Amino acid sequence: MRAAVLHGTRRLTVEERPEPQPAQGQVAVQVASVGVCGSDTHYYEHGRIGRFLVEAPLVLGHEASGTITAVGPGVSPDRVGQRVSIEPGVPDLTCRQCLAGRYNLCPGMVFFATPPVDGALAERVVVHEAFAHPVPDRMSDDAAALLEPLSVGIWACRKGRVTAGSRVLVTGAGPIGLMALQAALAFGATDVVVSDVNPARLALAKALGATQALDARATPLIDLDERPEVLLECSGNARATLDGLAVLQPAGRAVLVGMGVDELALPVPLVQEQELEVTGTFRYAGTWPTAIALVSSGRVDLDRLVTGTYTLAESAAALTASHDDPQSIKAVVHPQT
């Protein structure tokens, strides 16, 4: 099979590799669509993210969908032919965190495209059968792949306890911010303000249902008419984080989603005196059924976020699309082309 393999900073080649075979409890998937994530781009451009270093050839891509073509021992043969969305992290299912339902925090997690584990920019992959989620025929391959970033938005809303009538502020209108916006609305939020500096992304946020779409350079968050109860910080920008914290209602909840800074000077008096809750998010757990239901019902539109599709040979261009084109939202690779 063909795979797009990263050999070092900005060195990506398409090469032939042995086709993986499903082991006990696994399924083989012919990959249809792979969304490009900011982490993929970071590995491509810098060769590392934090402590994760690309030290050997690596296949990128963890937002994937496709069709099951073979099953391993212990898996029903009826699954062959199913269209699926791949949940790219498989935990050990036995540790304390897994048994408590927090499998996203499993120390033994094996996650696609996180060194040294290969990802989905390939014609075939194998995955644990429980993490290949069947999707309805009416859902496109691209949307099925983007259930992964939607899961990030859903998890952020759960952590922030977004519910009917919530007032929410989303800082950052990149793909995750736009997913968080749609998830918050689907969860019942009646007021969702989105802040960013990219006019195209702000326009899309407004079209997707944002109550307000604010250019952070022209409209300070302090000028908001209503203070939000929940901050979903999706930019990773320190200034946006601090400005968002400053406008939260007393007892408000801040969920740090975006990754951009290693350290942040937390305004402790503000947090204490307003009794703010500040929490992080790390991936997700148990989100795929909700994501599938929201997209299938039309409550969330993922296809609208796709601004460019690429062949496997064009993977390098897909990885830099967000930098090369300010209009780009989500690039998707089709490995079979």
Protein backbone atom coordinates (compact mmCIF):
# COMPACT_ATOMS: atom_id res chain seq x y z
CA MET A 1 0.00 0.00 0.00
CA ARG A 2 0.99 3.66 -0.31
CA ALA A 3 1.65 5.88 2.69
CA ALA A 4 2.83 9.47 3.14
CA VAL A 5 5.87 9.18 5.41
CA LEU A 6 7.55 12.00 7.33
CA HIS A 7 11.34 11.53 7.44
CA GLY A 8 12.21 14.82 9.10
CA THR A 9 11.31 18.50 9.11
CA ARG A 10 9.44 19.23 5.85
CA ARG A 11 10.60 15.93 4.34
CA LEU A 12 7.53 13.93 3.32
CA THR A 13 7.54 11.17 0.70
CA VAL A 14 4.89 8.81 -0.60
CA GLU A 15 6.24 5.28 -0.53
CA GLU A 16 5.17 1.65 -0.62
CA ARG A 17 4.74 -0.18 2.66
CA PRO A 18 3.44 -3.63 3.57
CA GLU A 19 -0.32 -3.63 4.04
CA PRO A 20 -1.14 -4.02 7.75
CA GLN A 21 -3.07 -7.11 8.80
CA PRO A 22 -5.67 -7.05 11.60
CA ALA A 23 -4.73 -8.93 14.75
CA GLN A 24 -7.02 -10.27 17.47
CA GLY A 25 -9.91 -7.84 18.02
CA GLN A 26 -8.82 -5.53 15.20
CA VAL A 27 -10.27 -4.43 11.87
CA ALA A 28 -8.53 -3.26 8.71
CA VAL A 29 -9.87 -0.06 7.21
CA GLN A 30 -9.47 1.26 3.67
CA VAL A 31 -8.97 4.94 4.42
CA ALA A 32 -11.27 7.34 2.57
CA SER A 33 -10.61 10.74 4.19
CA VAL A 34 -8.03 12.18 6.56
CA GLY A 35 -8.40 15.66 8.05
CA VAL A 36 -5.23 17.65 8.64
CA CYS A 37 -4.82 18.81 12.24
CA GLY A 38 -2.58 21.53 13.62
CA SER A 39 -0.53 18.85 15.37
CA ASP A 40 0.19 17.20 12.00
CA THR A 41 1.36 20.53 10.64
CA HIS A 42 3.52 21.13 13.72
CA TYR A 43 5.24 17.74 13.36
CA TYR A 44 5.79 18.45 9.66
CA GLU A 45 7.28 21.89 10.22
CA HIS A 46 9.15 21.38 13.50
CA GLY A 47 9.62 17.64 13.96
CA ARG A 48 8.27 17.64 17.49
CA ILE A 49 5.50 18.71 19.85
CA GLY A 50 6.66 19.12 23.43
CA ARG A 51 8.23 15.85 24.57
CA PHE A 52 7.07 13.99 21.44
CA LEU A 53 9.95 13.94 18.95
CA VAL A 54 9.97 12.48 15.43
CA GLU A 55 13.04 10.25 15.64
CA ALA A 56 12.03 7.67 13.01
CA PRO A 57 9.89 7.71 9.85
CA LEU A 58 6.32 8.56 10.84
CA VAL A 59 2.95 8.50 9.08
CA LEU A 60 0.89 11.53 10.12
CA GLY A 61 -2.91 11.92 10.33
CA HIS A 62 -5.35 11.01 13.10
CA GLU A 63 -8.69 12.34 11.78
CA ALA A 64 -9.82 9.45 9.58
CA SER A 65 -12.72 7.55 8.07
CA GLY A 66 -13.04 4.64 5.70
CA THR A 67 -14.50 1.19 5.07
CA ILE A 68 -13.72 -2.03 6.91
CA THR A 69 -12.14 -4.50 4.46
CA ALA A 70 -11.01 -7.31 6.78
CA VAL A 71 -11.37 -8.40 10.40
CA GLY A 72 -9.04 -10.16 12.79
CA PRO A 73 -9.79 -13.15 15.01
CA GLY A 74 -12.67 -12.56 17.41
CA VAL A 75 -14.37 -9.91 15.25
CA SER A 76 -17.67 -10.58 13.49
CA PRO A 77 -17.21 -10.94 9.71
CA ASP A 78 -20.44 -8.97 9.36
CA ARG A 79 -18.37 -5.84 9.95
CA VAL A 80 -16.69 -6.14 6.54
CA GLY A 81 -18.10 -3.39 4.32
CA GLN A 82 -19.08 -1.05 7.17
CA ARG A 83 -18.27 2.61 6.73
CA VAL A 84 -16.60 3.85 9.90
CA SER A 85 -15.10 6.84 11.65
CA ILE A 86 -11.86 5.98 13.42
CA GLU A 87 -11.30 7.00 17.02
CA PRO A 88 -7.51 7.26 16.83
CA GLY A 89 -6.53 6.57 20.44
CA VAL A 90 -6.73 3.06 21.86
CA PRO A 91 -6.23 2.85 25.66
CA ASP A 92 -5.16 -0.24 27.58
CA LEU A 93 -8.71 -0.58 29.02
CA THR A 94 -7.36 -1.93 32.33
CA CYS A 95 -5.68 0.96 34.16
CA ARG A 96 -7.25 3.06 36.93
CA GLN A 97 -8.11 5.92 34.55
CA CYS A 98 -9.77 3.60 32.04
CA LEU A 99 -11.80 1.86 34.72
CA ALA A 100 -12.95 5.27 36.00
CA GLY A 101 -14.19 6.17 32.51
CA ARG A 102 -11.34 8.60 31.83
CA TYR A 103 -9.66 6.54 29.15
CA ASN A 104 -8.35 9.70 27.47
CA LEU A 105 -5.94 9.93 30.43
CA CYS A 106 -4.72 6.34 30.08
CA PRO A 107 -0.91 6.29 30.47
CA GLY A 108 -0.76 3.36 28.05
CA MET A 109 -2.68 5.12 25.27
CA VAL A 110 -1.62 4.25 21.72
CA PHE A 111 -2.58 7.24 19.57
CA PHE A 112 -2.34 7.61 15.78
CA ALA A 113 0.40 9.95 14.49
CA THR A 114 1.99 10.43 17.90
CA PRO A 115 5.61 9.23 17.73
CA PRO A 116 6.38 6.40 17.35
CA VAL A 117 2.83 5.33 16.35
CA ASP A 118 1.94 5.68 12.66
CA GLY A 119 -1.20 7.53 11.62
CA ALA A 120 -3.74 7.41 8.81
CA LEU A 121 -2.16 9.12 5.80
CA ALA A 122 -2.08 5.74 4.12
CA GLU A 123 -4.32 3.56 2.00
CA ARG A 124 -4.94 1.07 4.85
CA VAL A 125 -4.79 1.11 8.65
CA VAL A 126 -5.75 -1.29 11.43
CA VAL A 127 -7.54 -0.33 14.63
CA HIS A 128 -9.27 -2.00 17.60
CA GLU A 129 -12.80 -2.90 16.52
CA ALA A 130 -14.39 -0.88 19.36
CA PHE A 131 -12.75 2.28 18.05
CA ALA A 132 -14.03 1.90 14.48
CA HIS A 133 -17.44 3.55 14.83
CA PRO A 134 -20.10 2.78 12.17
CA VAL A 135 -21.56 5.86 10.49
CA PRO A 136 -24.80 6.23 8.50
CA ASP A 137 -24.72 6.23 4.71
CA ARG A 138 -25.96 9.81 4.58
CA MET A 139 -22.78 11.04 6.30
CA SER A 140 -19.95 11.93 3.91
CA ASP A 141 -16.48 10.41 4.26
CA ASP A 142 -15.06 13.86 5.04
CA ALA A 143 -17.60 14.48 7.80
CA ALA A 144 -16.94 11.02 9.24
CA ALA A 145 -13.23 11.87 9.47
CA LEU A 146 -13.99 15.20 11.15
CA LEU A 147 -15.92 13.53 13.96
CA GLU A 148 -12.52 13.47 15.65
CA PRO A 149 -12.07 17.25 15.98
CA LEU A 150 -15.79 17.59 16.68
CA SER A 151 -15.17 15.27 19.62
CA VAL A 152 -12.66 17.79 20.96
CA GLY A 153 -15.39 20.45 20.86
CA ILE A 154 -17.92 18.13 22.49
CA TRP A 155 -15.47 17.22 25.26
CA ALA A 156 -14.74 20.92 25.88
CA CYS A 157 -18.47 21.63 26.23
CA ARG A 158 -18.86 18.73 28.65
CA LYS A 159 -15.93 19.97 30.72
CA GLY A 160 -17.46 23.46 30.77
CA ARG A 161 -20.91 22.06 31.60
CA VAL A 162 -22.52 23.89 28.69
CA THR A 163 -26.28 23.38 28.84
CA ALA A 164 -29.62 24.94 27.92
CA GLY A 165 -29.44 28.70 28.22
CA SER A 166 -25.66 28.90 28.66
CA ARG A 167 -23.76 32.02 27.60
CA VAL A 168 -20.49 30.92 26.02
CA LEU A 169 -17.40 32.72 24.73
CA VAL A 170 -15.21 30.89 22.19
CA THR A 171 -11.79 32.47 21.66
CA GLY A 172 -10.25 31.27 18.40
CA ALA A 173 -12.23 30.49 15.25
CA GLY A 174 -9.97 27.82 13.82
CA PRO A 175 -11.37 24.35 13.13
CA ILE A 176 -11.60 23.44 16.83
CA GLY A 177 -13.19 26.78 17.74
CA LEU A 178 -15.78 26.32 15.01
CA MET A 179 -16.46 22.79 16.24
CA ALA A 180 -16.82 24.08 19.80
CA LEU A 181 -19.23 26.77 18.59
CA GLN A 182 -21.48 24.22 16.90
CA ALA A 183 -21.27 21.81 19.83
CA ALA A 184 -22.19 24.57 22.30
CA LEU A 185 -25.24 25.51 20.24
CA ALA A 186 -26.25 21.86 19.98
CA PHE A 187 -25.89 21.53 23.76
CA GLY A 188 -28.44 24.33 24.18
CA ALA A 189 -26.32 27.47 24.59
CA THR A 190 -28.44 30.47 23.64
CA ASP A 191 -25.61 32.99 23.36
CA VAL A 192 -22.27 32.03 21.79
CA VAL A 193 -19.76 34.79 21.03
CA VAL A 194 -16.71 33.92 18.90
CA SER A 195 -13.55 36.05 18.87
CA ASP A 196 -10.70 35.84 16.35
CA VAL A 197 -8.58 38.02 14.03
CA ASN A 198 -9.29 36.21 10.73
CA PRO A 199 -12.22 37.81 8.85
CA ALA A 200 -12.99 34.66 6.81
CA ARG A 201 -13.21 32.51 9.91
CA LEU A 202 -15.32 35.06 11.74
CA ALA A 203 -17.71 35.19 8.78
CA LEU A 204 -18.04 31.41 8.87
CA ALA A 205 -18.61 31.49 12.65
CA LYS A 206 -21.47 33.91 12.11
CA ALA A 207 -22.92 31.74 9.36
CA LEU A 208 -22.74 28.70 11.65
CA GLY A 209 -24.84 30.43 14.28
CA ALA A 210 -22.57 32.56 16.46
CA THR A 211 -24.51 35.30 18.24
CA GLN A 212 -21.59 37.64 17.64
CA ALA A 213 -18.34 37.25 15.73
CA LEU A 214 -15.81 39.74 17.07
CA ASP A 215 -12.54 40.88 15.54
CA ALA A 216 -10.29 40.82 18.59
CA ARG A 217 -8.15 43.64 17.16
CA ALA A 218 -11.09 46.03 16.96
CA THR A 219 -13.45 44.93 19.74
CA PRO A 220 -11.99 44.12 23.18
CA LEU A 221 -13.76 41.36 25.04
CA ILE A 222 -14.29 43.75 27.94
CA ASP A 223 -16.87 45.51 25.72
CA LEU A 224 -19.18 42.48 25.64
CA ASP A 225 -22.77 43.36 26.52
CA GLU A 226 -23.25 40.17 28.53
CA ARG A 227 -20.54 38.37 30.45
CA PRO A 228 -20.27 34.68 29.58
CA GLU A 229 -20.60 31.80 32.02
CA VAL A 230 -18.25 29.58 30.05
CA LEU A 231 -14.99 30.31 28.22
CA LEU A 232 -13.89 27.77 25.60
CA GLU A 233 -10.35 28.93 24.85
CA CYS A 234 -9.43 27.42 21.48
CA SER A 235 -6.69 29.75 20.23
CA GLY A 236 -3.80 28.83 22.50
CA ASN A 237 -3.04 32.54 22.69
CA ALA A 238 -2.03 33.83 26.12
CA ARG A 239 -3.65 37.24 25.65
CA ALA A 240 -6.93 35.70 24.53
CA THR A 241 -6.88 33.38 27.54
CA LEU A 242 -6.33 36.19 30.05
CA ASP A 243 -8.88 38.49 28.39
CA GLY A 244 -11.42 35.66 28.40
CA LEU A 245 -10.87 34.93 32.08
CA ALA A 246 -11.30 38.63 32.88
CA VAL A 247 -14.83 38.80 31.42
CA LEU A 248 -16.25 35.60 32.90
CA GLN A 249 -19.19 35.86 35.26
CA PRO A 250 -18.53 35.06 38.92
CA ALA A 251 -18.32 31.26 39.33
CA GLY A 252 -17.63 31.03 35.59
CA ARG A 253 -15.86 28.10 33.98
CA ALA A 254 -12.81 28.35 31.71
CA VAL A 255 -11.84 25.38 29.55
CA LEU A 256 -8.35 25.56 28.03
CA VAL A 257 -8.49 23.71 24.71
CA GLY A 258 -5.97 25.39 22.40
CA MET A 259 -2.28 24.55 22.72
CA GLY A 260 0.04 27.49 22.15
CA VAL A 261 1.93 28.46 25.27
CA ASP A 262 3.79 26.31 27.78
CA GLU A 263 3.26 28.66 30.71
CA LEU A 264 0.71 31.31 31.60
CA ALA A 265 0.74 33.90 34.41
CA LEU A 266 -2.59 33.04 36.04
CA PRO A 267 -4.37 36.01 37.67
CA VAL A 268 -4.79 34.29 41.03
CA PRO A 269 -6.75 37.10 42.77
CA LEU A 270 -9.29 37.09 39.92
CA VAL A 271 -9.66 33.31 40.07
CA GLN A 272 -10.03 33.33 43.85
CA GLU A 273 -12.30 36.34 44.26
CA GLN A 274 -14.61 35.32 41.41
CA GLU A 275 -14.40 31.61 42.27
CA LEU A 276 -13.57 30.76 38.68
CA GLU A 277 -13.00 27.18 37.58
CA VAL A 278 -10.06 26.69 35.21
CA THR A 279 -9.54 23.29 33.62
CA GLY A 280 -7.69 21.74 30.73
CA THR A 281 -8.82 19.19 28.17
CA PHE A 282 -6.90 16.26 26.75
CA ARG A 283 -8.55 14.65 23.75
CA TYR A 284 -11.93 13.05 24.67
CA ALA A 285 -13.69 9.98 25.99
CA GLY A 286 -17.00 8.48 24.91
CA THR A 287 -17.81 11.27 22.46
CA TRP A 288 -18.36 9.43 19.16
CA PRO A 289 -22.01 8.44 19.70
CA THR A 290 -22.86 12.09 20.45
CA ALA A 291 -20.82 13.36 17.51
CA ILE A 292 -22.46 10.92 15.10
CA ALA A 293 -25.93 11.86 16.36
CA LEU A 294 -25.30 15.62 16.05
CA VAL A 295 -23.99 15.37 12.49
CA SER A 296 -26.61 12.84 11.37
CA SER A 297 -29.42 15.06 12.68
CA GLY A 298 -28.06 18.15 10.93
CA ARG A 299 -27.38 19.95 14.22
CA VAL A 300 -23.69 20.17 13.28
CA ASP A 301 -22.34 20.79 9.75
CA LEU A 302 -18.84 19.42 9.23
CA ASP A 303 -18.72 19.41 5.42
CA ARG A 304 -18.94 23.20 5.45
CA LEU A 305 -15.56 23.39 7.19
CA VAL A 306 -13.74 21.55 4.39
CA THR A 307 -11.99 24.17 2.26
CA GLY A 308 -9.63 21.96 0.27
CA THR A 309 -9.19 18.30 -0.71
CA TYR A 310 -5.90 16.69 -1.70
CA THR A 311 -4.52 13.44 -3.07
CA LEU A 312 -2.06 11.38 -1.03
CA ALA A 313 0.78 12.73 -3.19
CA GLU A 314 -0.34 16.25 -2.27
CA SER A 315 -0.15 15.61 1.48
CA ALA A 316 2.65 18.15 1.98
CA ALA A 317 0.48 20.89 0.45
CA ALA A 318 -2.41 19.86 2.68
CA LEU A 319 -0.16 20.12 5.74
CA THR A 320 0.71 23.75 4.98
CA ALA A 321 -2.68 24.88 3.62
CA SER A 322 -3.63 26.74 6.80
CA HIS A 323 -0.43 28.79 6.60
CA ASP A 324 -0.48 29.29 2.84
CA ASP A 325 -4.10 30.44 2.53
CA PRO A 326 -5.85 32.64 5.12
CA GLN A 327 -9.19 31.42 3.72
CA SER A 328 -8.35 27.80 4.58
CA ILE A 329 -10.26 26.16 7.42
CA LYS A 330 -9.82 22.39 7.08
CA ALA A 331 -7.74 20.49 4.54
CA VAL A 332 -8.68 16.87 3.86
CA VAL A 333 -6.56 14.20 2.16
CA HIS A 334 -8.15 11.38 0.16
CA PRO A 335 -5.54 8.58 0.31
CA GLN A 336 -7.17 6.47 -2.40
CA THR A 337 -6.53 9.22 -4.98
